[in-house]
Amino acid sequence: MNQAVVRNIVAIGSAILLMCAGGWMSSARAGQSGKAAGYAVAERAVTKLEQEWFAIQQANDWAKLSKIISDDFVLVDSDGSLGNKESMIAAYKEEAPRVVSLKMQVMVAHAVAGNTVIASGLDDIATKSASGDTVHRYERFIDTWVMRDGRWQCVAEQVTLAKPDRK
């Protein structure tokens, strides 16, 4: 990835962090307990989108997935590499023939402002190995969602390999 792209990714990530910090500070200044009017609505909307993400991915509906991911999307993948909307969708397409199931084991949405929601959780991604065995990969994620032009868009994601939650 060239330096200009990396600088853009870093700048976007910094802007997202500043926006989130601004939302937290505004909420604190207003003396709110973290849940202002509209926050619950925002959290429900993002929770629904997170759940739809897997259905869209399993249906291989890349055009629909592309609509909920912003054009300036930034990905920090589980191997530490940086990616964007195109690289993430390309990886999904490559893995799609091997996917057996996608399950969200845990998901929490936390509105930090009326137009910004942080979603985090644990995914169980089951794929077929070359030998035909089903292999589970567990990923913790943090997604940043922003309301833009009247619709929610995921603008950033961080993925970390994890172990399954014990029940």
N, C-alpha and C. Protein backbone atom coordinates (compact mmCIF):
# COMPACT_ATOMS: atom_id res chain seq x y z
N MET A 1 0.85 -1.16 0.00
CA MET A 1 0.00 0.00 0.00
C MET A 1 0.91 1.23 0.00
N ASN A 2 0.64 2.19 -0.87
CA ASN A 2 1.53 3.35 -0.96
C ASN A 2 1.31 4.30 0.21
N GLN A 3 2.26 5.20 0.41
CA GLN A 3 2.23 6.10 1.56
C GLN A 3 1.02 7.01 1.56
N ALA A 4 0.57 7.45 0.41
CA ALA A 4 -0.59 8.34 0.34
C ALA A 4 -1.83 7.64 0.87
N VAL A 5 -2.01 6.37 0.52
CA VAL A 5 -3.15 5.60 1.00
C VAL A 5 -3.06 5.41 2.52
N VAL A 6 -1.86 5.07 3.01
CA VAL A 6 -1.67 4.88 4.45
C VAL A 6 -1.96 6.19 5.18
N ARG A 7 -1.47 7.33 4.65
CA ARG A 7 -1.75 8.63 5.29
C ARG A 7 -3.25 8.90 5.32
N ASN A 8 -3.94 8.59 4.23
CA ASN A 8 -5.39 8.78 4.20
C ASN A 8 -6.09 7.91 5.23
N ILE A 9 -5.67 6.66 5.35
CA ILE A 9 -6.27 5.75 6.33
C ILE A 9 -6.04 6.27 7.74
N VAL A 10 -4.82 6.69 8.03
CA VAL A 10 -4.51 7.23 9.36
C VAL A 10 -5.32 8.49 9.62
N ALA A 11 -5.45 9.36 8.64
CA ALA A 11 -6.22 10.59 8.80
C ALA A 11 -7.69 10.29 9.07
N ILE A 12 -8.25 9.33 8.33
CA ILE A 12 -9.65 8.97 8.53
C ILE A 12 -9.84 8.36 9.91
N GLY A 13 -8.94 7.47 10.30
CA GLY A 13 -9.02 6.86 11.63
C GLY A 13 -8.96 7.91 12.72
N SER A 14 -8.06 8.88 12.57
CA SER A 14 -7.94 9.96 13.56
C SER A 14 -9.22 10.79 13.61
N ALA A 15 -9.79 11.06 12.46
CA ALA A 15 -11.03 11.84 12.41
C ALA A 15 -12.15 11.09 13.12
N ILE A 16 -12.23 9.77 12.92
CA ILE A 16 -13.27 8.98 13.57
C ILE A 16 -13.08 9.02 15.08
N LEU A 17 -11.84 8.86 15.54
CA LEU A 17 -11.59 8.92 16.98
C LEU A 17 -11.95 10.28 17.56
N LEU A 18 -11.60 11.35 16.85
CA LEU A 18 -11.97 12.69 17.32
C LEU A 18 -13.47 12.87 17.37
N MET A 19 -14.17 12.36 16.36
CA MET A 19 -15.62 12.48 16.33
C MET A 19 -16.23 11.72 17.51
N CYS A 20 -15.72 10.53 17.77
CA CYS A 20 -16.23 9.76 18.90
C CYS A 20 -15.94 10.46 20.21
N ALA A 21 -14.71 10.96 20.36
CA ALA A 21 -14.35 11.68 21.58
C ALA A 21 -15.23 12.90 21.76
N GLY A 22 -15.52 13.60 20.67
CA GLY A 22 -16.40 14.76 20.74
C GLY A 22 -17.78 14.37 21.22
N GLY A 23 -18.29 13.24 20.74
CA GLY A 23 -19.60 12.76 21.19
C GLY A 23 -19.60 12.41 22.66
N TRP A 24 -18.52 11.75 23.11
CA TRP A 24 -18.44 11.41 24.53
C TRP A 24 -18.36 12.67 25.38
N MET A 25 -17.55 13.63 24.95
CA MET A 25 -17.38 14.85 25.73
C MET A 25 -18.67 15.65 25.76
N SER A 26 -19.38 15.72 24.64
CA SER A 26 -20.64 16.44 24.61
C SER A 26 -21.64 15.82 25.57
N SER A 27 -21.67 14.51 25.58
CA SER A 27 -22.58 13.80 26.46
C SER A 27 -22.22 14.06 27.92
N ALA A 28 -20.93 14.04 28.23
CA ALA A 28 -20.49 14.28 29.60
C ALA A 28 -20.80 15.71 30.03
N ARG A 29 -20.56 16.68 29.12
CA ARG A 29 -20.84 18.08 29.45
C ARG A 29 -22.32 18.31 29.72
N ALA A 30 -23.16 17.59 29.03
CA ALA A 30 -24.59 17.76 29.21
C ALA A 30 -25.08 17.07 30.47
N GLY A 31 -24.18 16.36 31.15
CA GLY A 31 -24.55 15.69 32.38
C GLY A 31 -25.41 14.47 32.14
N GLN A 32 -25.33 13.90 30.95
CA GLN A 32 -26.15 12.74 30.62
C GLN A 32 -25.43 11.48 31.08
N SER A 33 -26.22 10.46 31.29
CA SER A 33 -25.65 9.19 31.76
C SER A 33 -25.24 8.30 30.60
N GLY A 34 -25.05 8.85 29.41
CA GLY A 34 -24.60 8.06 28.27
C GLY A 34 -25.72 7.68 27.33
N LYS A 35 -26.95 7.96 27.67
CA LYS A 35 -28.08 7.61 26.81
C LYS A 35 -28.97 8.83 26.59
N ALA A 36 -28.68 9.58 25.56
CA ALA A 36 -29.50 10.73 25.20
C ALA A 36 -30.66 10.26 24.33
N ALA A 37 -31.60 11.13 24.14
CA ALA A 37 -32.73 10.82 23.26
C ALA A 37 -32.20 10.43 21.89
N GLY A 38 -32.70 9.37 21.35
CA GLY A 38 -32.28 8.92 20.03
C GLY A 38 -31.14 7.93 20.05
N TYR A 39 -30.42 7.83 21.16
CA TYR A 39 -29.30 6.89 21.21
C TYR A 39 -29.79 5.45 21.08
N ALA A 40 -30.87 5.11 21.77
CA ALA A 40 -31.40 3.75 21.71
C ALA A 40 -31.86 3.42 20.30
N VAL A 41 -32.45 4.38 19.62
CA VAL A 41 -32.88 4.17 18.24
C VAL A 41 -31.67 3.89 17.36
N ALA A 42 -30.61 4.66 17.54
CA ALA A 42 -29.39 4.47 16.76
C ALA A 42 -28.79 3.09 17.03
N GLU A 43 -28.76 2.69 18.29
CA GLU A 43 -28.21 1.38 18.64
C GLU A 43 -29.01 0.25 18.02
N ARG A 44 -30.33 0.37 18.04
CA ARG A 44 -31.17 -0.67 17.42
C ARG A 44 -30.94 -0.74 15.91
N ALA A 45 -30.82 0.40 15.27
CA ALA A 45 -30.61 0.44 13.81
C ALA A 45 -29.29 -0.23 13.45
N VAL A 46 -28.24 0.07 14.20
CA VAL A 46 -26.92 -0.52 13.91
C VAL A 46 -26.92 -2.01 14.24
N THR A 47 -27.58 -2.40 15.32
CA THR A 47 -27.68 -3.83 15.66
C THR A 47 -28.32 -4.59 14.50
N LYS A 48 -29.39 -4.04 13.95
CA LYS A 48 -30.06 -4.67 12.82
C LYS A 48 -29.13 -4.77 11.61
N LEU A 49 -28.39 -3.71 11.33
CA LEU A 49 -27.46 -3.72 10.20
C LEU A 49 -26.34 -4.74 10.40
N GLU A 50 -25.83 -4.84 11.61
CA GLU A 50 -24.78 -5.83 11.90
C GLU A 50 -25.31 -7.24 11.63
N GLN A 51 -26.54 -7.51 12.04
CA GLN A 51 -27.13 -8.82 11.81
C GLN A 51 -27.38 -9.06 10.32
N GLU A 52 -27.82 -8.03 9.61
CA GLU A 52 -28.05 -8.14 8.17
C GLU A 52 -26.75 -8.36 7.40
N TRP A 53 -25.65 -7.82 7.92
CA TRP A 53 -24.35 -7.94 7.26
C TRP A 53 -24.06 -9.41 6.93
N PHE A 54 -24.25 -10.31 7.92
CA PHE A 54 -23.97 -11.73 7.69
C PHE A 54 -24.92 -12.32 6.66
N ALA A 55 -26.19 -11.97 6.72
CA ALA A 55 -27.15 -12.49 5.75
C ALA A 55 -26.77 -12.04 4.34
N ILE A 56 -26.39 -10.79 4.22
CA ILE A 56 -25.96 -10.25 2.93
C ILE A 56 -24.70 -10.97 2.45
N GLN A 57 -23.76 -11.17 3.37
CA GLN A 57 -22.51 -11.84 3.02
C GLN A 57 -22.77 -13.29 2.59
N GLN A 58 -23.64 -14.00 3.31
CA GLN A 58 -23.93 -15.39 2.96
C GLN A 58 -24.67 -15.48 1.63
N ALA A 59 -25.44 -14.45 1.29
CA ALA A 59 -26.15 -14.43 0.01
C ALA A 59 -25.25 -13.97 -1.13
N ASN A 60 -24.01 -13.62 -0.80
CA ASN A 60 -23.05 -13.11 -1.80
C ASN A 60 -23.60 -11.89 -2.52
N ASP A 61 -24.33 -11.06 -1.80
CA ASP A 61 -24.91 -9.84 -2.38
C ASP A 61 -23.95 -8.68 -2.15
N TRP A 62 -22.89 -8.67 -2.93
CA TRP A 62 -21.80 -7.71 -2.73
C TRP A 62 -22.26 -6.28 -3.00
N ALA A 63 -23.19 -6.09 -3.90
CA ALA A 63 -23.71 -4.74 -4.18
C ALA A 63 -24.44 -4.19 -2.97
N LYS A 64 -25.24 -5.03 -2.32
CA LYS A 64 -25.98 -4.58 -1.13
C LYS A 64 -25.01 -4.32 0.03
N LEU A 65 -24.02 -5.18 0.18
CA LEU A 65 -23.02 -4.98 1.24
C LEU A 65 -22.27 -3.67 1.00
N SER A 66 -21.97 -3.40 -0.24
CA SER A 66 -21.25 -2.19 -0.61
C SER A 66 -21.99 -0.92 -0.19
N LYS A 67 -23.31 -1.00 -0.12
CA LYS A 67 -24.12 0.18 0.24
C LYS A 67 -24.04 0.52 1.73
N ILE A 68 -23.76 -0.47 2.58
CA ILE A 68 -23.70 -0.17 4.01
C ILE A 68 -22.27 0.10 4.48
N ILE A 69 -21.32 -0.08 3.59
CA ILE A 69 -19.92 0.20 3.91
C ILE A 69 -19.53 1.47 3.17
N SER A 70 -18.97 2.42 3.91
CA SER A 70 -18.64 3.71 3.30
C SER A 70 -17.49 3.57 2.30
N ASP A 71 -17.46 4.48 1.35
CA ASP A 71 -16.38 4.47 0.36
C ASP A 71 -15.02 4.74 1.00
N ASP A 72 -15.01 5.47 2.12
CA ASP A 72 -13.76 5.77 2.81
C ASP A 72 -13.49 4.82 3.98
N PHE A 73 -14.12 3.65 3.94
CA PHE A 73 -13.99 2.62 4.97
C PHE A 73 -12.52 2.26 5.21
N VAL A 74 -12.18 2.05 6.49
CA VAL A 74 -10.84 1.65 6.89
C VAL A 74 -10.93 0.35 7.67
N LEU A 75 -10.10 -0.61 7.31
CA LEU A 75 -10.07 -1.91 7.98
C LEU A 75 -8.68 -2.14 8.58
N VAL A 76 -8.65 -2.55 9.85
CA VAL A 76 -7.43 -3.08 10.45
C VAL A 76 -7.75 -4.56 10.65
N ASP A 77 -7.13 -5.41 9.82
CA ASP A 77 -7.46 -6.83 9.82
C ASP A 77 -6.73 -7.56 10.94
N SER A 78 -7.12 -8.82 11.15
CA SER A 78 -6.59 -9.61 12.26
C SER A 78 -5.09 -9.86 12.17
N ASP A 79 -4.52 -9.72 10.97
CA ASP A 79 -3.07 -9.90 10.82
C ASP A 79 -2.32 -8.57 10.93
N GLY A 80 -3.06 -7.50 11.25
CA GLY A 80 -2.44 -6.19 11.40
C GLY A 80 -2.38 -5.39 10.11
N SER A 81 -2.80 -5.99 9.01
CA SER A 81 -2.75 -5.27 7.75
C SER A 81 -3.89 -4.25 7.65
N LEU A 82 -3.66 -3.24 6.83
CA LEU A 82 -4.67 -2.22 6.59
C LEU A 82 -5.40 -2.54 5.30
N GLY A 83 -6.68 -2.29 5.30
CA GLY A 83 -7.47 -2.53 4.11
C GLY A 83 -8.52 -1.47 3.93
N ASN A 84 -9.33 -1.66 2.91
CA ASN A 84 -10.39 -0.72 2.61
C ASN A 84 -11.62 -1.51 2.16
N LYS A 85 -12.61 -0.81 1.71
CA LYS A 85 -13.87 -1.43 1.28
C LYS A 85 -13.61 -2.49 0.21
N GLU A 86 -12.85 -2.13 -0.80
CA GLU A 86 -12.61 -3.04 -1.91
C GLU A 86 -11.84 -4.29 -1.48
N SER A 87 -10.81 -4.11 -0.65
CA SER A 87 -10.01 -5.27 -0.24
C SER A 87 -10.82 -6.20 0.66
N MET A 88 -11.69 -5.64 1.51
CA MET A 88 -12.50 -6.48 2.39
C MET A 88 -13.51 -7.29 1.57
N ILE A 89 -14.20 -6.64 0.64
CA ILE A 89 -15.18 -7.35 -0.17
C ILE A 89 -14.49 -8.40 -1.04
N ALA A 90 -13.31 -8.09 -1.56
CA ALA A 90 -12.55 -9.07 -2.35
C ALA A 90 -12.20 -10.30 -1.51
N ALA A 91 -11.83 -10.09 -0.26
CA ALA A 91 -11.51 -11.21 0.63
C ALA A 91 -12.77 -12.03 0.93
N TYR A 92 -13.90 -11.35 1.13
CA TYR A 92 -15.17 -12.07 1.33
C TYR A 92 -15.49 -12.94 0.12
N LYS A 93 -15.33 -12.37 -1.07
CA LYS A 93 -15.63 -13.11 -2.30
C LYS A 93 -14.74 -14.35 -2.42
N GLU A 94 -13.47 -14.18 -2.09
CA GLU A 94 -12.52 -15.30 -2.18
C GLU A 94 -12.88 -16.41 -1.20
N GLU A 95 -13.33 -16.05 -0.01
CA GLU A 95 -13.64 -17.03 1.03
C GLU A 95 -15.04 -17.63 0.86
N ALA A 96 -15.93 -16.95 0.16
CA ALA A 96 -17.34 -17.33 0.05
C ALA A 96 -17.59 -18.81 -0.29
N PRO A 97 -16.87 -19.40 -1.25
CA PRO A 97 -17.16 -20.80 -1.59
C PRO A 97 -16.89 -21.78 -0.44
N ARG A 98 -16.06 -21.38 0.52
CA ARG A 98 -15.71 -22.26 1.65
C ARG A 98 -16.54 -22.01 2.90
N VAL A 99 -17.34 -20.93 2.92
CA VAL A 99 -18.09 -20.58 4.13
C VAL A 99 -19.25 -21.56 4.34
N VAL A 100 -19.28 -22.14 5.52
CA VAL A 100 -20.35 -23.04 5.93
C VAL A 100 -21.41 -22.24 6.68
N SER A 101 -20.95 -21.40 7.62
CA SER A 101 -21.88 -20.57 8.38
C SER A 101 -21.16 -19.36 8.96
N LEU A 102 -21.94 -18.34 9.20
CA LEU A 102 -21.47 -17.12 9.87
C LEU A 102 -22.43 -16.87 11.01
N LYS A 103 -21.89 -16.82 12.23
CA LYS A 103 -22.75 -16.60 13.40
C LYS A 103 -22.14 -15.53 14.28
N MET A 104 -22.98 -14.62 14.72
CA MET A 104 -22.55 -13.61 15.66
C MET A 104 -22.89 -14.15 17.05
N GLN A 105 -21.87 -14.47 17.83
CA GLN A 105 -22.12 -15.01 19.16
C GLN A 105 -22.50 -13.92 20.15
N VAL A 106 -21.88 -12.76 19.98
CA VAL A 106 -22.12 -11.63 20.89
C VAL A 106 -22.08 -10.37 20.05
N MET A 107 -22.94 -9.41 20.38
CA MET A 107 -22.88 -8.11 19.70
C MET A 107 -23.49 -7.07 20.62
N VAL A 108 -22.76 -5.98 20.80
CA VAL A 108 -23.23 -4.86 21.61
C VAL A 108 -23.04 -3.59 20.80
N ALA A 109 -24.08 -2.79 20.74
CA ALA A 109 -24.00 -1.50 20.06
C ALA A 109 -24.03 -0.42 21.13
N HIS A 110 -23.12 0.55 21.01
CA HIS A 110 -23.02 1.63 21.99
C HIS A 110 -22.97 2.96 21.24
N ALA A 111 -24.05 3.72 21.35
CA ALA A 111 -24.08 5.04 20.71
C ALA A 111 -23.23 6.00 21.53
N VAL A 112 -22.33 6.69 20.86
CA VAL A 112 -21.50 7.70 21.52
C VAL A 112 -21.97 9.11 21.14
N ALA A 113 -22.87 9.16 20.18
CA ALA A 113 -23.52 10.40 19.76
C ALA A 113 -24.76 9.96 18.99
N GLY A 114 -25.64 10.89 18.71
CA GLY A 114 -26.85 10.53 17.99
C GLY A 114 -26.59 10.00 16.59
N ASN A 115 -25.41 10.32 16.05
CA ASN A 115 -25.08 9.88 14.69
C ASN A 115 -23.87 8.97 14.62
N THR A 116 -23.41 8.45 15.76
CA THR A 116 -22.22 7.59 15.79
C THR A 116 -22.43 6.44 16.76
N VAL A 117 -22.24 5.23 16.26
CA VAL A 117 -22.41 4.04 17.09
C VAL A 117 -21.19 3.14 16.92
N ILE A 118 -20.70 2.64 18.04
CA ILE A 118 -19.62 1.67 18.04
C ILE A 118 -20.26 0.31 18.33
N ALA A 119 -20.04 -0.65 17.45
CA ALA A 119 -20.56 -2.00 17.63
C ALA A 119 -19.38 -2.93 17.84
N SER A 120 -19.50 -3.82 18.81
CA SER A 120 -18.43 -4.78 19.05
C SER A 120 -19.05 -6.14 19.33
N GLY A 121 -18.26 -7.16 19.06
CA GLY A 121 -18.80 -8.49 19.30
C GLY A 121 -17.82 -9.59 18.95
N LEU A 122 -18.36 -10.80 18.89
CA LEU A 122 -17.59 -11.99 18.59
C LEU A 122 -18.32 -12.78 17.51
N ASP A 123 -17.60 -13.06 16.43
CA ASP A 123 -18.16 -13.83 15.32
C ASP A 123 -17.55 -15.22 15.28
N ASP A 124 -18.37 -16.19 14.87
CA ASP A 124 -17.93 -17.56 14.63
C ASP A 124 -18.08 -17.80 13.13
N ILE A 125 -16.96 -17.92 12.45
CA ILE A 125 -16.96 -18.11 11.00
C ILE A 125 -16.50 -19.54 10.72
N ALA A 126 -17.42 -20.36 10.23
CA ALA A 126 -17.11 -21.76 9.94
C ALA A 126 -16.86 -21.91 8.44
N THR A 127 -15.71 -22.51 8.11
CA THR A 127 -15.36 -22.73 6.71
C THR A 127 -14.93 -24.18 6.51
N LYS A 128 -14.96 -24.62 5.26
CA LYS A 128 -14.47 -25.94 4.91
C LYS A 128 -12.98 -25.85 4.60
N SER A 129 -12.21 -26.72 5.20
CA SER A 129 -10.77 -26.77 4.91
C SER A 129 -10.55 -27.55 3.62
N ALA A 130 -9.32 -27.58 3.15
CA ALA A 130 -8.97 -28.31 1.93
C ALA A 130 -9.28 -29.80 2.08
N SER A 131 -9.19 -30.33 3.32
CA SER A 131 -9.47 -31.75 3.56
C SER A 131 -10.96 -32.02 3.76
N GLY A 132 -11.78 -30.96 3.75
CA GLY A 132 -13.22 -31.13 3.89
C GLY A 132 -13.74 -30.98 5.30
N ASP A 133 -12.84 -30.78 6.26
CA ASP A 133 -13.26 -30.57 7.65
C ASP A 133 -13.82 -29.16 7.83
N THR A 134 -14.72 -29.01 8.78
CA THR A 134 -15.23 -27.69 9.13
C THR A 134 -14.30 -27.09 10.18
N VAL A 135 -13.84 -25.88 9.89
CA VAL A 135 -12.92 -25.18 10.78
C VAL A 135 -13.59 -23.88 11.23
N HIS A 136 -13.53 -23.63 12.53
CA HIS A 136 -14.12 -22.41 13.08
C HIS A 136 -13.04 -21.37 13.33
N ARG A 137 -13.30 -20.16 12.88
CA ARG A 137 -12.43 -19.02 13.16
C ARG A 137 -13.27 -18.02 13.95
N TYR A 138 -12.77 -17.64 15.10
CA TYR A 138 -13.48 -16.69 15.95
C TYR A 138 -12.80 -15.33 15.83
N GLU A 139 -13.61 -14.32 15.59
CA GLU A 139 -13.07 -12.97 15.44
C GLU A 139 -13.84 -12.00 16.32
N ARG A 140 -13.10 -11.23 17.10
CA ARG A 140 -13.70 -10.09 17.81
C ARG A 140 -13.61 -8.91 16.85
N PHE A 141 -14.64 -8.08 16.88
CA PHE A 141 -14.66 -6.94 15.97
C PHE A 141 -15.11 -5.69 16.70
N ILE A 142 -14.67 -4.58 16.18
CA ILE A 142 -15.17 -3.26 16.58
C ILE A 142 -15.47 -2.53 15.28
N ASP A 143 -16.73 -2.19 15.10
CA ASP A 143 -17.16 -1.45 13.92
C ASP A 143 -17.62 -0.06 14.34
N THR A 144 -17.26 0.93 13.56
CA THR A 144 -17.71 2.31 13.79
C THR A 144 -18.71 2.67 12.70
N TRP A 145 -19.91 3.05 13.13
CA TRP A 145 -21.00 3.40 12.22
C TRP A 145 -21.32 4.88 12.37
N VAL A 146 -21.55 5.54 11.24
CA VAL A 146 -21.89 6.96 11.24
C VAL A 146 -23.11 7.16 10.34
N MET A 147 -24.02 8.01 10.80
CA MET A 147 -25.18 8.37 9.99
C MET A 147 -24.74 9.42 8.98
N ARG A 148 -24.86 9.09 7.70
CA ARG A 148 -24.49 10.01 6.63
C ARG A 148 -25.62 10.08 5.61
N ASP A 149 -26.01 11.27 5.26
CA ASP A 149 -27.06 11.46 4.26
C ASP A 149 -28.29 10.61 4.54
N GLY A 150 -28.64 10.52 5.82
CA GLY A 150 -29.86 9.81 6.22
C GLY A 150 -29.74 8.30 6.30
N ARG A 151 -28.53 7.75 6.18
CA ARG A 151 -28.38 6.31 6.29
C ARG A 151 -27.11 5.96 7.05
N TRP A 152 -27.17 4.83 7.74
CA TRP A 152 -26.03 4.36 8.51
C TRP A 152 -25.01 3.72 7.58
N GLN A 153 -23.73 4.04 7.82
CA GLN A 153 -22.65 3.43 7.06
C GLN A 153 -21.53 3.03 8.03
N CYS A 154 -20.96 1.86 7.79
CA CYS A 154 -19.80 1.43 8.56
C CYS A 154 -18.58 2.12 7.96
N VAL A 155 -17.85 2.87 8.79
CA VAL A 155 -16.70 3.64 8.30
C VAL A 155 -15.37 3.03 8.72
N ALA A 156 -15.39 2.14 9.72
CA ALA A 156 -14.14 1.53 10.18
C ALA A 156 -14.43 0.22 10.89
N GLU A 157 -13.46 -0.69 10.78
CA GLU A 157 -13.57 -1.98 11.47
C GLU A 157 -12.18 -2.43 11.89
N GLN A 158 -12.13 -3.00 13.09
CA GLN A 158 -10.92 -3.67 13.57
C GLN A 158 -11.30 -5.09 13.91
N VAL A 159 -10.50 -6.05 13.45
CA VAL A 159 -10.76 -7.46 13.68
C VAL A 159 -9.57 -8.07 14.41
N THR A 160 -9.87 -8.88 15.44
CA THR A 160 -8.83 -9.57 16.20
C THR A 160 -9.23 -11.04 16.33
N LEU A 161 -8.30 -11.94 16.05
CA LEU A 161 -8.59 -13.36 16.25
C LEU A 161 -8.83 -13.62 17.73
N ALA A 162 -9.75 -14.53 18.02
CA ALA A 162 -10.16 -14.75 19.41
C ALA A 162 -10.47 -16.22 19.64
N LYS A 163 -10.81 -16.52 20.86
CA LYS A 163 -11.28 -17.85 21.24
C LYS A 163 -12.78 -17.74 21.48
N PRO A 164 -13.49 -18.85 21.36
CA PRO A 164 -14.94 -18.78 21.58
C PRO A 164 -15.26 -18.43 23.03
N ASP A 165 -16.36 -17.72 23.21
CA ASP A 165 -16.84 -17.43 24.57
C ASP A 165 -17.33 -18.74 25.19
N ARG A 166 -17.05 -18.91 26.44
CA ARG A 166 -17.55 -20.11 27.14
C ARG A 166 -18.95 -19.81 27.63
N LYS A 167 -19.79 -20.83 27.51
CA LYS A 167 -21.19 -20.65 27.93
C LYS A 167 -21.47 -21.33 29.23
